[in-house]
PDB file of N, CA and C in Angstrom:
ATOM      1  N   UNK A   1      90.265  92.414  98.441  1.00  0.00           N
ATOM      2  CA  UNK A   1      91.694  92.600  98.576  1.00  0.00           C
ATOM      3  C   UNK A   1      92.407  91.425  97.921  1.00  0.00           C
ATOM      4  N   UNK A   2      93.595  91.661  97.466  1.00  0.00           N
ATOM      5  CA  UNK A   2      94.372  90.646  96.779  1.00  0.00           C
ATOM      6  C   UNK A   2      94.953  89.675  97.799  1.00  0.00           C
ATOM      7  N   UNK A   3      94.887  88.393  97.482  1.00  0.00           N
ATOM      8  CA  UNK A   3      95.475  87.383  98.359  1.00  0.00           C
ATOM      9  C   UNK A   3      96.933  87.227  97.982  1.00  0.00           C
ATOM     10  N   UNK A   4      97.802  87.170  98.973  1.00  0.00           N
ATOM     11  CA  UNK A   4      99.230  87.134  98.723  1.00  0.00           C
ATOM     12  C   UNK A   4      99.804  85.747  98.914  1.00  0.00           C
ATOM     13  N   UNK A   5     100.824  85.479  98.127  1.00  0.00           N
ATOM     14  CA  UNK A   5     101.528  84.217  98.244  1.00  0.00           C
ATOM     15  C   UNK A   5     102.956  84.518  98.655  1.00  0.00           C
ATOM     16  N   UNK A   6     103.557  83.598  99.362  1.00  0.00           N
ATOM     17  CA  UNK A   6     104.936  83.782  99.810  1.00  0.00           C
ATOM     18  C   UNK A   6     105.941  83.445  98.722  1.00  0.00           C
ATOM     19  N   UNK A   7     105.470  83.142  97.516  1.00  0.00           N
ATOM     20  CA  UNK A   7     106.353  82.725  96.442  1.00  0.00           C
ATOM     21  C   UNK A   7     107.250  83.862  95.954  1.00  0.00           C
ATOM     22  N   UNK A   8     106.780  85.086  96.031  1.00  0.00           N
ATOM     23  CA  UNK A   8     107.602  86.186  95.541  1.00  0.00           C
ATOM     24  C   UNK A   8     108.574  86.643  96.610  1.00  0.00           C
ATOM     25  N   UNK A   9     109.653  87.227  96.158  1.00  0.00           N
ATOM     26  CA  UNK A   9     110.681  87.678  97.090  1.00  0.00           C
ATOM     27  C   UNK A   9     110.219  88.929  97.808  1.00  0.00           C
ATOM     28  N   UNK A  10     110.587  89.029  99.060  1.00  0.00           N
ATOM     29  CA  UNK A  10     110.269  90.180  99.880  1.00  0.00           C
ATOM     30  C   UNK A  10     111.373  91.221  99.707  1.00  0.00           C
ATOM     31  N   UNK A  11     111.064  92.434  99.230  1.00  0.00           N
ATOM     32  CA  UNK A  11     112.127  93.418  99.093  1.00  0.00           C
ATOM     33  C   UNK A  11     112.696  93.790 100.447  1.00  0.00           C
ATOM     34  N   UNK A  12     113.949  94.148 100.471  1.00  0.00           N
ATOM     35  CA  UNK A  12     114.609  94.506 101.721  1.00  0.00           C
ATOM     36  C   UNK A  12     114.023  95.797 102.265  1.00  0.00           C
ATOM     37  N   UNK A  13     113.417  95.716 103.436  1.00  0.00           N
ATOM     38  CA  UNK A  13     112.854  96.901 104.055  1.00  0.00           C
ATOM     39  C   UNK A  13     113.884  97.639 104.884  1.00  0.00           C
ATOM     40  N   UNK A  14     114.994  97.006 105.178  1.00  0.00           N
ATOM     41  CA  UNK A  14     116.041  97.664 105.961  1.00  0.00           C
ATOM     42  C   UNK A  14     115.523  98.090 107.314  1.00  0.00           C
ATOM     43  N   UNK A  15     116.123  99.107 107.900  1.00  0.00           N
ATOM     44  CA  UNK A  15     115.666  99.630 109.183  1.00  0.00           C
ATOM     45  C   UNK A  15     115.706  98.572 110.264  1.00  0.00           C
ATOM     46  N   UNK A  16     115.146  98.879 111.414  1.00  0.00           N
ATOM     47  CA  UNK A  16     115.083  97.925 112.513  1.00  0.00           C
ATOM     48  C   UNK A  16     113.875  97.030 112.367  1.00  0.00           C
ATOM     49  N   UNK A  17     113.687  96.163 113.334  1.00  0.00           N
ATOM     50  CA  UNK A  17     112.542  95.264 113.289  1.00  0.00           C
ATOM     51  C   UNK A  17     111.240  96.018 113.493  1.00  0.00           C
ATOM     52  N   UNK A  18     111.283  97.110 114.266  1.00  0.00           N
ATOM     53  CA  UNK A  18     110.074  97.855 114.561  1.00  0.00           C
ATOM     54  C   UNK A  18     109.737  98.883 113.493  1.00  0.00           C
ATOM     55  N   UNK A  19     110.725  99.467 112.867  1.00  0.00           N
ATOM     56  CA  UNK A  19     110.502 100.547 111.908  1.00  0.00           C
ATOM     57  C   UNK A  19     111.125 100.204 110.559  1.00  0.00           C
ATOM     58  N   UNK A  20     110.309  99.873 109.561  1.00  0.00           N
ATOM     59  CA  UNK A  20     110.862  99.559 108.247  1.00  0.00           C
ATOM     60  C   UNK A  20     111.452 100.810 107.604  1.00  0.00           C
ATOM     61  N   UNK A  21     112.358 100.605 106.696  1.00  0.00           N
ATOM     62  CA  UNK A  21     112.979 101.700 105.963  1.00  0.00           C
ATOM     63  C   UNK A  21     112.061 102.062 104.804  1.00  0.00           C
ATOM     64  N   UNK A  22     111.151 103.001 105.056  1.00  0.00           N
ATOM     65  CA  UNK A  22     110.184 103.410 104.038  1.00  0.00           C
ATOM     66  C   UNK A  22     110.723 104.569 103.218  1.00  0.00           C
ATOM     67  N   UNK A  23     110.233 104.712 101.987  1.00  0.00           N
ATOM     68  CA  UNK A  23     110.637 105.870 101.192  1.00  0.00           C
ATOM     69  C   UNK A  23     110.208 107.166 101.890  1.00  0.00           C
ATOM     70  N   UNK A  24     110.910 108.270 101.627  1.00  0.00           N
ATOM     71  CA  UNK A  24     110.519 109.544 102.224  1.00  0.00           C
ATOM     72  C   UNK A  24     109.104 109.947 101.809  1.00  0.00           C
ATOM     73  N   UNK A  25     108.431 110.701 102.657  1.00  0.00           N
ATOM     74  CA  UNK A  25     107.066 111.157 102.370  1.00  0.00           C
ATOM     75  C   UNK A  25     106.980 111.966 101.074  1.00  0.00           C
ATOM     76  N   UNK A  26     108.028 112.705 100.763  1.00  0.00           N
ATOM     77  CA  UNK A  26     107.998 113.579  99.593  1.00  0.00           C
ATOM     78  C   UNK A  26     108.521 112.900  98.325  1.00  0.00           C
ATOM     79  N   UNK A  27     108.499 111.586  98.286  1.00  0.00           N
ATOM     80  CA  UNK A  27     108.987 110.841  97.123  1.00  0.00           C
ATOM     81  C   UNK A  27     108.169 111.207  95.888  1.00  0.00           C
ATOM     82  N   UNK A  28     108.852 111.568  94.825  1.00  0.00           N
ATOM     83  CA  UNK A  28     108.174 111.856  93.552  1.00  0.00           C
ATOM     84  C   UNK A  28     108.661 110.919  92.450  1.00  0.00           C
ATOM     85  N   UNK A  29     109.824 110.323  92.633  1.00  0.00           N
ATOM     86  CA  UNK A  29     110.364 109.384  91.647  1.00  0.00           C
ATOM     87  C   UNK A  29     110.200 107.981  92.205  1.00  0.00           C
ATOM     88  N   UNK A  30     109.213 107.270  91.673  1.00  0.00           N
ATOM     89  CA  UNK A  30     108.859 105.961  92.209  1.00  0.00           C
ATOM     90  C   UNK A  30     109.548 104.849  91.435  1.00  0.00           C
ATOM     91  N   UNK A  31     110.731 104.469  91.885  1.00  0.00           N
ATOM     92  CA  UNK A  31     111.419 103.323  91.285  1.00  0.00           C
ATOM     93  C   UNK A  31     110.788 102.048  91.849  1.00  0.00           C
ATOM     94  N   UNK A  32     111.027 100.942  91.178  1.00  0.00           N
ATOM     95  CA  UNK A  32     110.405  99.666  91.550  1.00  0.00           C
ATOM     96  C   UNK A  32     110.658  99.288  93.008  1.00  0.00           C
ATOM     97  N   UNK A  33     111.881  99.480  93.480  1.00  0.00           N
ATOM     98  CA  UNK A  33     112.220  99.100  94.850  1.00  0.00           C
ATOM     99  C   UNK A  33     111.385  99.867  95.863  1.00  0.00           C
ATOM    100  N   UNK A  34     111.172 101.153  95.639  1.00  0.00           N
ATOM    101  CA  UNK A  34     110.380 101.958  96.577  1.00  0.00           C
ATOM    102  C   UNK A  34     108.920 101.520  96.592  1.00  0.00           C
ATOM    103  N   UNK A  35     108.379 101.240  95.418  1.00  0.00           N
ATOM    104  CA  UNK A  35     106.996 100.748  95.350  1.00  0.00           C
ATOM    105  C   UNK A  35     106.873  99.449  96.135  1.00  0.00           C
ATOM    106  N   UNK A  36     107.841  98.559  95.943  1.00  0.00           N
ATOM    107  CA  UNK A  36     107.823  97.270  96.634  1.00  0.00           C
ATOM    108  C   UNK A  36     107.921  97.452  98.143  1.00  0.00           C
ATOM    109  N   UNK A  37     108.710  98.419  98.589  1.00  0.00           N
ATOM    110  CA  UNK A  37     108.829  98.683 100.029  1.00  0.00           C
ATOM    111  C   UNK A  37     107.476  99.098 100.619  1.00  0.00           C
ATOM    112  N   UNK A  38     106.758  99.949  99.917  1.00  0.00           N
ATOM    113  CA  UNK A  38     105.461 100.416 100.419  1.00  0.00           C
ATOM    114  C   UNK A  38     104.459  99.265 100.446  1.00  0.00           C
ATOM    115  N   UNK A  39     104.376  98.502  99.368  1.00  0.00           N
ATOM    116  CA  UNK A  39     103.437  97.371  99.319  1.00  0.00           C
ATOM    117  C   UNK A  39     103.754  96.368 100.417  1.00  0.00           C
ATOM    118  N   UNK A  40     105.027  96.056 100.598  1.00  0.00           N
ATOM    119  CA  UNK A  40     105.431  95.096 101.617  1.00  0.00           C
ATOM    120  C   UNK A  40     105.123  95.611 103.017  1.00  0.00           C
ATOM    121  N   UNK A  41     105.331  96.901 103.246  1.00  0.00           N
ATOM    122  CA  UNK A  41     105.025  97.483 104.558  1.00  0.00           C
ATOM    123  C   UNK A  41     103.542  97.345 104.873  1.00  0.00           C
ATOM    124  N   UNK A  42     102.684  97.539 103.871  1.00  0.00           N
ATOM    125  CA  UNK A  42     101.241  97.378 104.083  1.00  0.00           C
ATOM    126  C   UNK A  42     100.905  95.906 104.331  1.00  0.00           C
ATOM    127  N   UNK A  43     101.487  95.021 103.537  1.00  0.00           N
ATOM    128  CA  UNK A  43     101.195  93.593 103.675  1.00  0.00           C
ATOM    129  C   UNK A  43     101.631  93.031 105.026  1.00  0.00           C
ATOM    130  N   UNK A  44     102.726  93.558 105.563  1.00  0.00           N
ATOM    131  CA  UNK A  44     103.234  93.045 106.834  1.00  0.00           C
ATOM    132  C   UNK A  44     102.624  93.759 108.033  1.00  0.00           C
ATOM    133  N   UNK A  45     101.816  94.767 107.773  1.00  0.00           N
ATOM    134  CA  UNK A  45     101.159  95.482 108.859  1.00  0.00           C
ATOM    135  C   UNK A  45     101.984  96.607 109.455  1.00  0.00           C
ATOM    136  N   UNK A  46     103.148  96.883 108.870  1.00  0.00           N
ATOM    137  CA  UNK A  46     103.984  97.977 109.364  1.00  0.00           C
ATOM    138  C   UNK A  46     103.350  99.330 109.044  1.00  0.00           C
ATOM    139  N   UNK A  47     102.473  99.347 108.044  1.00  0.00           N
ATOM    140  CA  UNK A  47     101.799 100.560 107.601  1.00  0.00           C
ATOM    141  C   UNK A  47     100.411 100.142 107.121  1.00  0.00           C
ATOM    142  N   UNK A  48      99.389 100.889 107.493  1.00  0.00           N
ATOM    143  CA  UNK A  48      98.051 100.552 106.996  1.00  0.00           C
ATOM    144  C   UNK A  48      97.917 101.098 105.578  1.00  0.00           C
ATOM    145  N   UNK A  49      96.958 100.555 104.840  1.00  0.00           N
ATOM    146  CA  UNK A  49      96.755 101.031 103.472  1.00  0.00           C
ATOM    147  C   UNK A  49      96.355 102.500 103.473  1.00  0.00           C
ATOM    148  N   UNK A  50      95.559 102.905 104.455  1.00  0.00           N
ATOM    149  CA  UNK A  50      95.164 104.309 104.572  1.00  0.00           C
ATOM    150  C   UNK A  50      96.361 105.209 104.840  1.00  0.00           C
ATOM    151  N   UNK A  51      97.244 104.757 105.723  1.00  0.00           N
ATOM    152  CA  UNK A  51      98.455 105.537 106.025  1.00  0.00           C
ATOM    153  C   UNK A  51      99.337 105.649 104.783  1.00  0.00           C
ATOM    154  N   UNK A  52      99.468 104.555 104.036  1.00  0.00           N
ATOM    155  CA  UNK A  52     100.284 104.575 102.827  1.00  0.00           C
ATOM    156  C   UNK A  52      99.699 105.535 101.794  1.00  0.00           C
ATOM    157  N   UNK A  53      98.382 105.489 101.621  1.00  0.00           N
ATOM    158  CA  UNK A  53      97.738 106.364 100.650  1.00  0.00           C
ATOM    159  C   UNK A  53      97.907 107.830 101.038  1.00  0.00           C
ATOM    160  N   UNK A  54      97.743 108.121 102.313  1.00  0.00           N
ATOM    161  CA  UNK A  54      97.878 109.500 102.781  1.00  0.00           C
ATOM    162  C   UNK A  54      99.342 109.959 102.734  1.00  0.00           C
ATOM    163  N   UNK A  55     100.212 109.125 103.239  1.00  0.00           N
ATOM    164  CA  UNK A  55     101.632 109.478 103.329  1.00  0.00           C
ATOM    165  C   UNK A  55     102.248 109.749 101.957  1.00  0.00           C
ATOM    166  N   UNK A  56     101.869 108.926 100.965  1.00  0.00           N
ATOM    167  CA  UNK A  56     102.476 109.026  99.639  1.00  0.00           C
ATOM    168  C   UNK A  56     101.545 109.590  98.576  1.00  0.00           C
ATOM    169  N   UNK A  57     100.361 110.060  99.007  1.00  0.00           N
ATOM    170  CA  UNK A  57      99.370 110.650  98.086  1.00  0.00           C
ATOM    171  C   UNK A  57      99.050 109.696  96.936  1.00  0.00           C
ATOM    172  N   UNK A  58      98.709 108.471  97.286  1.00  0.00           N
ATOM    173  CA  UNK A  58      98.375 107.440  96.304  1.00  0.00           C
ATOM    174  C   UNK A  58      96.874 107.245  96.258  1.00  0.00           C
ATOM    175  N   UNK A  59      96.369 106.904  95.106  1.00  0.00           N
ATOM    176  CA  UNK A  59      94.975 106.490  95.015  1.00  0.00           C
ATOM    177  C   UNK A  59      94.930 104.989  95.316  1.00  0.00           C
ATOM    178  N   UNK A  60      93.777 104.504  95.691  1.00  0.00           N
ATOM    179  CA  UNK A  60      93.614 103.072  95.941  1.00  0.00           C
ATOM    180  C   UNK A  60      93.927 102.288  94.671  1.00  0.00           C
ATOM    181  N   UNK A  61      93.480 102.813  93.533  1.00  0.00           N
ATOM    182  CA  UNK A  61      93.724 102.141  92.251  1.00  0.00           C
ATOM    183  C   UNK A  61      95.225 102.010  91.962  1.00  0.00           C
ATOM    184  N   UNK A  62      95.979 103.066  92.226  1.00  0.00           N
ATOM    185  CA  UNK A  62      97.425 103.024  91.983  1.00  0.00           C
ATOM    186  C   UNK A  62      98.101 102.014  92.912  1.00  0.00           C
ATOM    187  N   UNK A  63      97.737 102.057  94.193  1.00  0.00           N
ATOM    188  CA  UNK A  63      98.329 101.119  95.143  1.00  0.00           C
ATOM    189  C   UNK A  63      98.008  99.677  94.739  1.00  0.00           C
ATOM    190  N   UNK A  64      96.760  99.417  94.388  1.00  0.00           N
ATOM    191  CA  UNK A  64      96.374  98.055  93.993  1.00  0.00           C
ATOM    192  C   UNK A  64      97.085  97.612  92.723  1.00  0.00           C
ATOM    193  N   UNK A  65      97.370  98.556  91.812  1.00  0.00           N
ATOM    194  CA  UNK A  65      98.107  98.176  90.592  1.00  0.00           C
ATOM    195  C   UNK A  65      99.534  97.760  90.959  1.00  0.00           C
ATOM    196  N   UNK A  66     100.116  98.401  91.986  1.00  0.00           N
ATOM    197  CA  UNK A  66     101.440  98.004  92.460  1.00  0.00           C
ATOM    198  C   UNK A  66     101.370  96.605  93.058  1.00  0.00           C
ATOM    199  N   UNK A  67     100.323  96.323  93.829  1.00  0.00           N
ATOM    200  CA  UNK A  67     100.165  94.992  94.430  1.00  0.00           C
ATOM    201  C   UNK A  67     100.078  93.924  93.348  1.00  0.00           C
ATOM    202  N   UNK A  68      99.239  94.179  92.345  1.00  0.00           N
ATOM    203  CA  UNK A  68      99.066  93.191  91.267  1.00  0.00           C
ATOM    204  C   UNK A  68     100.379  92.953  90.533  1.00  0.00           C
ATOM    205  N   UNK A  69     101.086  94.029  90.201  1.00  0.00           N
ATOM    206  CA  UNK A  69     102.350  93.901  89.472  1.00  0.00           C
ATOM    207  C   UNK A  69     103.381  93.131  90.292  1.00  0.00           C
ATOM    208  N   UNK A  70     103.426  93.408  91.586  1.00  0.00           N
ATOM    209  CA  UNK A  70     104.372  92.719  92.463  1.00  0.00           C
ATOM    210  C   UNK A  70     104.006  91.241  92.581  1.00  0.00           C
ATOM    211  N   UNK A  71     102.722  90.937  92.678  1.00  0.00           N
ATOM    212  CA  UNK A  71     102.278  89.548  92.747  1.00  0.00           C
ATOM    213  C   UNK A  71     102.571  88.798  91.453  1.00  0.00           C
ATOM    214  N   UNK A  72     102.358  89.460  90.330  1.00  0.00           N
ATOM    215  CA  UNK A  72     102.548  88.831  89.026  1.00  0.00           C
ATOM    216  C   UNK A  72     104.016  88.565  88.705  1.00  0.00           C
ATOM    217  N   UNK A  73     104.840  89.590  88.906  1.00  0.00           N
ATOM    218  CA  UNK A  73     106.195  89.521  88.369  1.00  0.00           C
ATOM    219  C   UNK A  73     107.290  89.922  89.336  1.00  0.00           C
ATOM    220  N   UNK A  74     106.960  90.085  90.605  1.00  0.00           N
ATOM    221  CA  UNK A  74     107.971  90.509  91.568  1.00  0.00           C
ATOM    222  C   UNK A  74     108.344  91.963  91.356  1.00  0.00           C
ATOM    223  N   UNK A  75     109.475  92.362  91.908  1.00  0.00           N
ATOM    224  CA  UNK A  75     109.904  93.757  91.834  1.00  0.00           C
ATOM    225  C   UNK A  75     110.068  94.206  90.379  1.00  0.00           C
ATOM    226  N   UNK A  76     110.520  93.312  89.518  1.00  0.00           N
ATOM    227  CA  UNK A  76     110.702  93.661  88.100  1.00  0.00           C
ATOM    228  C   UNK A  76     109.386  94.098  87.460  1.00  0.00           C
ATOM    229  N   UNK A  77     108.276  93.563  87.933  1.00  0.00           N
ATOM    230  CA  UNK A  77     106.971  93.926  87.389  1.00  0.00           C
ATOM    231  C   UNK A  77     106.545  95.341  87.723  1.00  0.00           C
ATOM    232  N   UNK A  78     107.227  95.964  88.683  1.00  0.00           N
ATOM    233  CA  UNK A  78     106.900  97.331  89.078  1.00  0.00           C
ATOM    234  C   UNK A  78     107.630  98.377  88.250  1.00  0.00           C
ATOM    235  N   UNK A  79     108.506  97.950  87.384  1.00  0.00           N
ATOM    236  CA  UNK A  79     109.238  98.909  86.556  1.00  0.00           C
ATOM    237  C   UNK A  79     108.305  99.510  85.509  1.00  0.00           C
ATOM    238  N   UNK A  80     108.543 100.747  85.161  1.00  0.00           N
ATOM    239  CA  UNK A  80     107.720 101.453  84.176  1.00  0.00           C
ATOM    240  C   UNK A  80     107.726 100.705  82.841  1.00  0.00           C
ATOM    241  N   UNK A  81     108.885 100.217  82.416  1.00  0.00           N
ATOM    242  CA  UNK A  81     108.984  99.511  81.144  1.00  0.00           C
ATOM    243  C   UNK A  81     108.086  98.277  81.140  1.00  0.00           C
ATOM    244  N   UNK A  82     108.001  97.587  82.275  1.00  0.00           N
ATOM    245  CA  UNK A  82     107.147  96.402  82.356  1.00  0.00           C
ATOM    246  C   UNK A  82     105.681  96.799  82.201  1.00  0.00           C
ATOM    247  N   UNK A  83     105.291  97.896  82.826  1.00  0.00           N
ATOM    248  CA  UNK A  83     103.909  98.371  82.719  1.00  0.00           C
ATOM    249  C   UNK A  83     103.592  98.780  81.282  1.00  0.00           C
ATOM    250  N   UNK A  84     104.532  99.441  80.637  1.00  0.00           N
ATOM    251  CA  UNK A  84     104.328  99.850  79.250  1.00  0.00           C
ATOM    252  C   UNK A  84     104.203  98.635  78.340  1.00  0.00           C
ATOM    253  N   UNK A  85     105.017  97.618  78.602  1.00  0.00           N
ATOM    254  CA  UNK A  85     104.960  96.388  77.814  1.00  0.00           C
ATOM    255  C   UNK A  85     103.618  95.689  77.987  1.00  0.00           C
ATOM    256  N   UNK A  86     103.114  95.634  79.241  1.00  0.00           N
ATOM    257  CA  UNK A  86     101.809  95.005  79.493  1.00  0.00           C
ATOM    258  C   UNK A  86     100.692  95.749  78.768  1.00  0.00           C
ATOM    259  N   UNK A  87     100.762  97.089  78.759  1.00  0.00           N
ATOM    260  CA  UNK A  87      99.727  97.872  78.070  1.00  0.00           C
ATOM    261  C   UNK A  87      99.765  97.622  76.573  1.00  0.00           C
ATOM    262  N   UNK A  88     100.977  97.459  76.017  1.00  0.00           N
ATOM    263  CA  UNK A  88     101.106  97.183  74.587  1.00  0.00           C
ATOM    264  C   UNK A  88     100.515  95.828  74.236  1.00  0.00           C
ATOM    265  N   UNK A  89     100.788  94.842  75.095  1.00  0.00           N
ATOM    266  CA  UNK A  89     100.311  93.484  74.843  1.00  0.00           C
ATOM    267  C   UNK A  89      98.803  93.371  75.033  1.00  0.00           C
ATOM    268  N   UNK A  90      98.249  94.124  75.960  1.00  0.00           N
ATOM    269  CA  UNK A  90      96.811  94.084  76.261  1.00  0.00           C
ATOM    270  C   UNK A  90      96.245  95.502  76.272  1.00  0.00           C
ATOM    271  N   UNK A  91      96.134  96.116  75.079  1.00  0.00           N
ATOM    272  CA  UNK A  91      95.646  97.497  75.054  1.00  0.00           C
ATOM    273  C   UNK A  91      94.200  97.569  75.553  1.00  0.00           C
ATOM    274  N   UNK A  92      93.844  98.695  76.173  1.00  0.00           N
ATOM    275  CA  UNK A  92      92.462  98.836  76.630  1.00  0.00           C
ATOM    276  C   UNK A  92      91.532  98.879  75.432  1.00  0.00           C
ATOM    277  N   UNK A  93      90.357  98.347  75.606  1.00  0.00           N
ATOM    278  CA  UNK A  93      89.385  98.312  74.519  1.00  0.00           C
ATOM    279  C   UNK A  93      88.496  99.539  74.595  1.00  0.00           C
ATOM    280  N   UNK A  94      88.331 100.176  73.477  1.00  0.00           N
ATOM    281  CA  UNK A  94      87.487 101.349  73.377  1.00  0.00           C
ATOM    282  C   UNK A  94      86.099 100.900  72.962  1.00  0.00           C
ATOM    283  N   UNK A  95      85.117 101.287  73.720  1.00  0.00           N
ATOM    284  CA  UNK A  95      83.740 100.924  73.419  1.00  0.00           C
ATOM    285  C   UNK A  95      82.963 102.205  73.145  1.00  0.00           C
ATOM    286  N   UNK A  96      82.425 102.296  71.957  1.00  0.00           N
ATOM    287  CA  UNK A  96      81.638 103.460  71.604  1.00  0.00           C
ATOM    288  C   UNK A  96      80.169 103.174  71.879  1.00  0.00           C
ATOM    289  N   UNK A  97      79.545 104.108  72.544  1.00  0.00           N
ATOM    290  CA  UNK A  97      78.130 103.965  72.875  1.00  0.00           C
ATOM    291  C   UNK A  97      77.359 105.042  72.139  1.00  0.00           C
ATOM    292  N   UNK A  98      76.369 104.620  71.407  1.00  0.00           N
ATOM    293  CA  UNK A  98      75.551 105.564  70.640  1.00  0.00           C
ATOM    294  C   UNK A  98      74.369 105.990  71.508  1.00  0.00           C
ATOM    295  N   UNK A  99      74.174 107.273  71.619  1.00  0.00           N
ATOM    296  CA  UNK A  99      73.047 107.792  72.412  1.00  0.00           C
ATOM    297  C   UNK A  99      71.882 108.163  71.549  1.00  0.00           C
TER     298      UNK A  99
END
């Protein structure tokens, strides 16, 4: 699991102290703020990673990519444009294997 630092800003979860303001279960448009709310809810224990994955139909890989982006660059790192820029700067390497 990724180790977290308090250096990044905590997105506003809103809601009361007991119940964070989470995105709706049927969310299909994932803006940066909503991703940050889910990651923060898991990090603070308001929601387990399993509950988040089930509730929002996320894969572990997708959730972890949100964690990494938030750790690296804060909420701005969760924007689609930021992800596209990172892929351009570090394209995946294609490895051909001869059988």
